[in-house]
Amino acid sequence: MVVNDYGVLCSLVQGGQLLAYLPEQLLNEIGAVRVKVVDCPYQCTEELIVVWRGGGESWLDSLLQAL
């Protein structure tokens, strides 16, 4: 999800509708809870799924072609 407004992004995260990587300062401002995982027997990987309409020379089109 692309959100161009940190207020909207924070509302979605705080409402449990979205999981996001947020800047440290923003985490402090919204009082986010950090969870430290220790002794995890799993090696985790992340997958990025990007959905866009395409059709143009936008930065997102260039990024997806590079991937």
PDB file of N, CA and C in Angstrom:
ATOM      1  N   MET A   1       0.852  -1.161   0.000  1.00  0.00           N
ATOM      2  CA  MET A   1       0.000   0.000   0.000  1.00  0.00           C
ATOM      3  C   MET A   1       0.899   1.224   0.000  1.00  0.00           C
ATOM      4  N   VAL A   2       0.597   2.161  -0.846  1.00  0.00           N
ATOM      5  CA  VAL A   2       1.321   3.423  -0.867  1.00  0.00           C
ATOM      6  C   VAL A   2       0.449   4.458  -0.174  1.00  0.00           C
ATOM      7  N   VAL A   3       0.972   5.012   0.895  1.00  0.00           N
ATOM      8  CA  VAL A   3       0.254   6.048   1.634  1.00  0.00           C
ATOM      9  C   VAL A   3       1.175   7.256   1.694  1.00  0.00           C
ATOM     10  N   ASN A   4       0.707   8.375   1.189  1.00  0.00           N
ATOM     11  CA  ASN A   4       1.533   9.575   1.128  1.00  0.00           C
ATOM     12  C   ASN A   4       1.316  10.497   2.316  1.00  0.00           C
ATOM     13  N   ASP A   5       0.668  10.017   3.338  1.00  0.00           N
ATOM     14  CA  ASP A   5       0.345  10.856   4.490  1.00  0.00           C
ATOM     15  C   ASP A   5       0.606  10.037   5.751  1.00  0.00           C
ATOM     16  N   TYR A   6       1.560  10.518   6.569  1.00  0.00           N
ATOM     17  CA  TYR A   6       1.893   9.765   7.779  1.00  0.00           C
ATOM     18  C   TYR A   6       0.724   9.693   8.751  1.00  0.00           C
ATOM     19  N   GLY A   7      -0.153  10.691   8.753  1.00  0.00           N
ATOM     20  CA  GLY A   7      -1.328  10.650   9.626  1.00  0.00           C
ATOM     21  C   GLY A   7      -2.226   9.483   9.274  1.00  0.00           C
ATOM     22  N   VAL A   8      -2.475   9.307   7.990  1.00  0.00           N
ATOM     23  CA  VAL A   8      -3.307   8.190   7.519  1.00  0.00           C
ATOM     24  C   VAL A   8      -2.602   6.868   7.795  1.00  0.00           C
ATOM     25  N   LEU A   9      -1.305   6.822   7.514  1.00  0.00           N
ATOM     26  CA  LEU A   9      -0.531   5.603   7.756  1.00  0.00           C
ATOM     27  C   LEU A   9      -0.587   5.199   9.225  1.00  0.00           C
ATOM     28  N   CYS A  10      -0.385   6.176  10.114  1.00  0.00           N
ATOM     29  CA  CYS A  10      -0.426   5.880  11.550  1.00  0.00           C
ATOM     30  C   CYS A  10      -1.805   5.406  11.983  1.00  0.00           C
ATOM     31  N   SER A  11      -2.838   5.996  11.432  1.00  0.00           N
ATOM     32  CA  SER A  11      -4.201   5.569  11.763  1.00  0.00           C
ATOM     33  C   SER A  11      -4.440   4.126  11.354  1.00  0.00           C
ATOM     34  N   LEU A  12      -3.963   3.759  10.174  1.00  0.00           N
ATOM     35  CA  LEU A  12      -4.131   2.383   9.701  1.00  0.00           C
ATOM     36  C   LEU A  12      -3.354   1.399  10.565  1.00  0.00           C
ATOM     37  N   VAL A  13      -2.137   1.773  10.940  1.00  0.00           N
ATOM     38  CA  VAL A  13      -1.316   0.895  11.784  1.00  0.00           C
ATOM     39  C   VAL A  13      -1.922   0.764  13.169  1.00  0.00           C
ATOM     40  N   GLN A  14      -2.300   1.881  13.771  1.00  0.00           N
ATOM     41  CA  GLN A  14      -2.868   1.849  15.117  1.00  0.00           C
ATOM     42  C   GLN A  14      -4.213   1.142  15.141  1.00  0.00           C
ATOM     43  N   GLY A  15      -4.950   1.176  14.038  1.00  0.00           N
ATOM     44  CA  GLY A  15      -6.234   0.491  13.960  1.00  0.00           C
ATOM     45  C   GLY A  15      -6.101  -0.985  13.641  1.00  0.00           C
ATOM     46  N   GLY A  16      -4.861  -1.468  13.475  1.00  0.00           N
ATOM     47  CA  GLY A  16      -4.656  -2.886  13.192  1.00  0.00           C
ATOM     48  C   GLY A  16      -4.993  -3.276  11.772  1.00  0.00           C
ATOM     49  N   GLN A  17      -5.080  -2.310  10.864  1.00  0.00           N
ATOM     50  CA  GLN A  17      -5.436  -2.598   9.480  1.00  0.00           C
ATOM     51  C   GLN A  17      -4.227  -2.741   8.572  1.00  0.00           C
ATOM     52  N   LEU A  18      -3.051  -2.368   9.088  1.00  0.00           N
ATOM     53  CA  LEU A  18      -1.872  -2.363   8.249  1.00  0.00           C
ATOM     54  C   LEU A  18      -0.636  -2.599   9.102  1.00  0.00           C
ATOM     55  N   LEU A  19       0.290  -3.358   8.580  1.00  0.00           N
ATOM     56  CA  LEU A  19       1.591  -3.563   9.211  1.00  0.00           C
ATOM     57  C   LEU A  19       2.585  -2.785   8.375  1.00  0.00           C
ATOM     58  N   ALA A  20       3.432  -1.987   9.024  1.00  0.00           N
ATOM     59  CA  ALA A  20       4.342  -1.137   8.263  1.00  0.00           C
ATOM     60  C   ALA A  20       5.670  -0.975   8.978  1.00  0.00           C
ATOM     61  N   TYR A  21       6.697  -0.723   8.202  1.00  0.00           N
ATOM     62  CA  TYR A  21       7.973  -0.298   8.746  1.00  0.00           C
ATOM     63  C   TYR A  21       7.889   1.208   8.887  1.00  0.00           C
ATOM     64  N   LEU A  22       8.129   1.697  10.079  1.00  0.00           N
ATOM     65  CA  LEU A  22       8.005   3.133  10.329  1.00  0.00           C
ATOM     66  C   LEU A  22       9.316   3.696  10.845  1.00  0.00           C
ATOM     67  N   PRO A  23       9.573   4.969  10.553  1.00  0.00           N
ATOM     68  CA  PRO A  23      10.785   5.602  11.095  1.00  0.00           C
ATOM     69  C   PRO A  23      10.753   5.623  12.623  1.00  0.00           C
ATOM     70  N   GLU A  24      11.932   5.536  13.222  1.00  0.00           N
ATOM     71  CA  GLU A  24      12.052   5.481  14.683  1.00  0.00           C
ATOM     72  C   GLU A  24      11.330   6.636  15.369  1.00  0.00           C
ATOM     73  N   GLN A  25      11.485   7.842  14.841  1.00  0.00           N
ATOM     74  CA  GLN A  25      10.837   9.015  15.444  1.00  0.00           C
ATOM     75  C   GLN A  25       9.317   8.878  15.435  1.00  0.00           C
ATOM     76  N   LEU A  26       8.780   8.380  14.348  1.00  0.00           N
ATOM     77  CA  LEU A  26       7.330   8.202  14.255  1.00  0.00           C
ATOM     78  C   LEU A  26       6.853   7.136  15.231  1.00  0.00           C
ATOM     79  N   LEU A  27       7.625   6.078  15.405  1.00  0.00           N
ATOM     80  CA  LEU A  27       7.270   5.044  16.378  1.00  0.00           C
ATOM     81  C   LEU A  27       7.154   5.643  17.776  1.00  0.00           C
ATOM     82  N   ASN A  28       8.097   6.505  18.111  1.00  0.00           N
ATOM     83  CA  ASN A  28       8.070   7.160  19.418  1.00  0.00           C
ATOM     84  C   ASN A  28       6.848   8.067  19.557  1.00  0.00           C
ATOM     85  N   GLU A  29       6.515   8.796  18.500  1.00  0.00           N
ATOM     86  CA  GLU A  29       5.390   9.738  18.551  1.00  0.00           C
ATOM     87  C   GLU A  29       4.054   9.042  18.772  1.00  0.00           C
ATOM     88  N   ILE A  30       3.874   7.874  18.157  1.00  0.00           N
ATOM     89  CA  ILE A  30       2.577   7.195  18.284  1.00  0.00           C
ATOM     90  C   ILE A  30       2.562   6.195  19.438  1.00  0.00           C
ATOM     91  N   GLY A  31       3.696   6.073  20.123  1.00  0.00           N
ATOM     92  CA  GLY A  31       3.745   5.168  21.266  1.00  0.00           C
ATOM     93  C   GLY A  31       3.655   3.711  20.872  1.00  0.00           C
ATOM     94  N   ALA A  32       4.289   3.375  19.770  1.00  0.00           N
ATOM     95  CA  ALA A  32       4.228   2.005  19.277  1.00  0.00           C
ATOM     96  C   ALA A  32       4.949   1.048  20.220  1.00  0.00           C
ATOM     97  N   VAL A  33       4.498  -0.173  20.230  1.00  0.00           N
ATOM     98  CA  VAL A  33       5.112  -1.213  21.042  1.00  0.00           C
ATOM     99  C   VAL A  33       6.079  -1.982  20.153  1.00  0.00           C
ATOM    100  N   ARG A  34       7.297  -2.115  20.624  1.00  0.00           N
ATOM    101  CA  ARG A  34       8.298  -2.871  19.880  1.00  0.00           C
ATOM    102  C   ARG A  34       8.411  -4.262  20.495  1.00  0.00           C
ATOM    103  N   VAL A  35       8.522  -5.236  19.657  1.00  0.00           N
ATOM    104  CA  VAL A  35       8.655  -6.611  20.119  1.00  0.00           C
ATOM    105  C   VAL A  35      10.029  -7.105  19.697  1.00  0.00           C
ATOM    106  N   LYS A  36      10.828  -7.504  20.661  1.00  0.00           N
ATOM    107  CA  LYS A  36      12.144  -8.052  20.364  1.00  0.00           C
ATOM    108  C   LYS A  36      12.041  -9.569  20.398  1.00  0.00           C
ATOM    109  N   VAL A  37      12.409 -10.193  19.310  1.00  0.00           N
ATOM    110  CA  VAL A  37      12.341 -11.642  19.205  1.00  0.00           C
ATOM    111  C   VAL A  37      13.732 -12.198  19.479  1.00  0.00           C
ATOM    112  N   VAL A  38      13.812 -13.068  20.469  1.00  0.00           N
ATOM    113  CA  VAL A  38      15.092 -13.693  20.803  1.00  0.00           C
ATOM    114  C   VAL A  38      14.949 -15.206  20.718  1.00  0.00           C
ATOM    115  N   ASP A  39      16.043 -15.845  20.453  1.00  0.00           N
ATOM    116  CA  ASP A  39      16.079 -17.314  20.390  1.00  0.00           C
ATOM    117  C   ASP A  39      15.039 -17.893  19.436  1.00  0.00           C
ATOM    118  N   CYS A  40      14.884 -17.250  18.304  1.00  0.00           N
ATOM    119  CA  CYS A  40      13.940 -17.742  17.300  1.00  0.00           C
ATOM    120  C   CYS A  40      14.629 -18.821  16.463  1.00  0.00           C
ATOM    121  N   PRO A  41      14.050 -20.029  16.403  1.00  0.00           N
ATOM    122  CA  PRO A  41      14.695 -21.106  15.657  1.00  0.00           C
ATOM    123  C   PRO A  41      14.471 -20.999  14.140  1.00  0.00           C
ATOM    124  N   TYR A  42      13.788 -19.963  13.696  1.00  0.00           N
ATOM    125  CA  TYR A  42      13.454 -19.827  12.287  1.00  0.00           C
ATOM    126  C   TYR A  42      14.274 -18.724  11.634  1.00  0.00           C
ATOM    127  N   GLN A  43      14.562 -18.905  10.372  1.00  0.00           N
ATOM    128  CA  GLN A  43      15.172 -17.841   9.594  1.00  0.00           C
ATOM    129  C   GLN A  43      14.065 -17.276   8.721  1.00  0.00           C
ATOM    130  N   CYS A  44      13.718 -16.046   8.960  1.00  0.00           N
ATOM    131  CA  CYS A  44      12.586 -15.437   8.278  1.00  0.00           C
ATOM    132  C   CYS A  44      13.022 -14.718   7.008  1.00  0.00           C
ATOM    133  N   THR A  45      12.165 -14.740   6.040  1.00  0.00           N
ATOM    134  CA  THR A  45      12.372 -13.964   4.822  1.00  0.00           C
ATOM    135  C   THR A  45      11.146 -13.088   4.622  1.00  0.00           C
ATOM    136  N   GLU A  46      11.335 -12.044   3.871  1.00  0.00           N
ATOM    137  CA  GLU A  46      10.234 -11.132   3.603  1.00  0.00           C
ATOM    138  C   GLU A  46       9.907 -11.174   2.121  1.00  0.00           C
ATOM    139  N   GLU A  47       8.651 -11.041   1.831  1.00  0.00           N
ATOM    140  CA  GLU A  47       8.210 -10.951   0.451  1.00  0.00           C
ATOM    141  C   GLU A  47       7.528  -9.614   0.260  1.00  0.00           C
ATOM    142  N   LEU A  48       7.803  -8.998  -0.859  1.00  0.00           N
ATOM    143  CA  LEU A  48       7.206  -7.718  -1.176  1.00  0.00           C
ATOM    144  C   LEU A  48       6.265  -7.922  -2.344  1.00  0.00           C
ATOM    145  N   ILE A  49       5.025  -7.585  -2.141  1.00  0.00           N
ATOM    146  CA  ILE A  49       4.036  -7.681  -3.207  1.00  0.00           C
ATOM    147  C   ILE A  49       3.617  -6.250  -3.547  1.00  0.00           C
ATOM    148  N   VAL A  50       3.825  -5.880  -4.788  1.00  0.00           N
ATOM    149  CA  VAL A  50       3.503  -4.529  -5.220  1.00  0.00           C
ATOM    150  C   VAL A  50       2.365  -4.605  -6.220  1.00  0.00           C
ATOM    151  N   VAL A  51       1.343  -3.817  -5.976  1.00  0.00           N
ATOM    152  CA  VAL A  51       0.201  -3.750  -6.880  1.00  0.00           C
ATOM    153  C   VAL A  51       0.108  -2.310  -7.370  1.00  0.00           C
ATOM    154  N   TRP A  52       0.081  -2.162  -8.662  1.00  0.00           N
ATOM    155  CA  TRP A  52      -0.034  -0.821  -9.225  1.00  0.00           C
ATOM    156  C   TRP A  52      -0.677  -0.911 -10.586  1.00  0.00           C
ATOM    157  N   ARG A  53      -1.178   0.195 -11.067  1.00  0.00           N
ATOM    158  CA  ARG A  53      -1.862   0.204 -12.359  1.00  0.00           C
ATOM    159  C   ARG A  53      -0.895   0.297 -13.521  1.00  0.00           C
ATOM    160  N   GLY A  54       0.269   0.860 -13.292  1.00  0.00           N
ATOM    161  CA  GLY A  54       1.271   0.944 -14.343  1.00  0.00           C
ATOM    162  C   GLY A  54       0.865   1.890 -15.459  1.00  0.00           C
ATOM    163  N   GLY A  55       1.680   1.892 -16.458  1.00  0.00           N
ATOM    164  CA  GLY A  55       1.356   2.727 -17.615  1.00  0.00           C
ATOM    165  C   GLY A  55       1.892   4.134 -17.470  1.00  0.00           C
ATOM    166  N   GLY A  56       3.153   4.282 -17.640  1.00  0.00           N
ATOM    167  CA  GLY A  56       3.738   5.606 -17.534  1.00  0.00           C
ATOM    168  C   GLY A  56       5.192   5.497 -17.175  1.00  0.00           C
ATOM    169  N   GLU A  57       5.787   6.599 -16.988  1.00  0.00           N
ATOM    170  CA  GLU A  57       7.205   6.633 -16.625  1.00  0.00           C
ATOM    171  C   GLU A  57       7.362   7.111 -15.194  1.00  0.00           C
ATOM    172  N   SER A  58       6.574   6.564 -14.298  1.00  0.00           N
ATOM    173  CA  SER A  58       6.662   6.957 -12.895  1.00  0.00           C
ATOM    174  C   SER A  58       7.812   6.208 -12.230  1.00  0.00           C
ATOM    175  N   TRP A  59       8.187   6.651 -11.033  1.00  0.00           N
ATOM    176  CA  TRP A  59       9.261   5.996 -10.293  1.00  0.00           C
ATOM    177  C   TRP A  59       8.892   4.562  -9.942  1.00  0.00           C
ATOM    178  N   LEU A  60       7.593   4.303  -9.735  1.00  0.00           N
ATOM    179  CA  LEU A  60       7.172   2.948  -9.389  1.00  0.00           C
ATOM    180  C   LEU A  60       7.299   2.017 -10.578  1.00  0.00           C
ATOM    181  N   ASP A  61       6.994   2.505 -11.778  1.00  0.00           N
ATOM    182  CA  ASP A  61       7.174   1.693 -12.978  1.00  0.00           C
ATOM    183  C   ASP A  61       8.646   1.319 -13.151  1.00  0.00           C
ATOM    184  N   SER A  62       9.529   2.277 -12.931  1.00  0.00           N
ATOM    185  CA  SER A  62      10.972   2.022 -13.045  1.00  0.00           C
ATOM    186  C   SER A  62      11.440   1.022 -12.004  1.00  0.00           C
ATOM    187  N   LEU A  63      10.941   1.145 -10.780  1.00  0.00           N
ATOM    188  CA  LEU A  63      11.315   0.212  -9.720  1.00  0.00           C
ATOM    189  C   LEU A  63      10.899  -1.207 -10.072  1.00  0.00           C
ATOM    190  N   LEU A  64       9.680  -1.388 -10.521  1.00  0.00           N
ATOM    191  CA  LEU A  64       9.198  -2.728 -10.807  1.00  0.00           C
ATOM    192  C   LEU A  64       9.918  -3.349 -11.992  1.00  0.00           C
ATOM    193  N   GLN A  65      10.309  -2.553 -12.970  1.00  0.00           N
ATOM    194  CA  GLN A  65      11.092  -3.088 -14.070  1.00  0.00           C
ATOM    195  C   GLN A  65      12.472  -3.533 -13.590  1.00  0.00           C
ATOM    196  N   ALA A  66      13.031  -2.807 -12.615  1.00  0.00           N
ATOM    197  CA  ALA A  66      14.345  -3.154 -12.082  1.00  0.00           C
ATOM    198  C   ALA A  66      14.295  -4.433 -11.254  1.00  0.00           C
ATOM    199  N   LEU A  67      13.163  -4.716 -10.625  1.00  0.00           N
ATOM    200  CA  LEU A  67      13.047  -5.912  -9.817  1.00  0.00           C
ATOM    201  C   LEU A  67      12.915  -7.134 -10.699  1.00  0.00           C
TER     202      LEU A  67
END
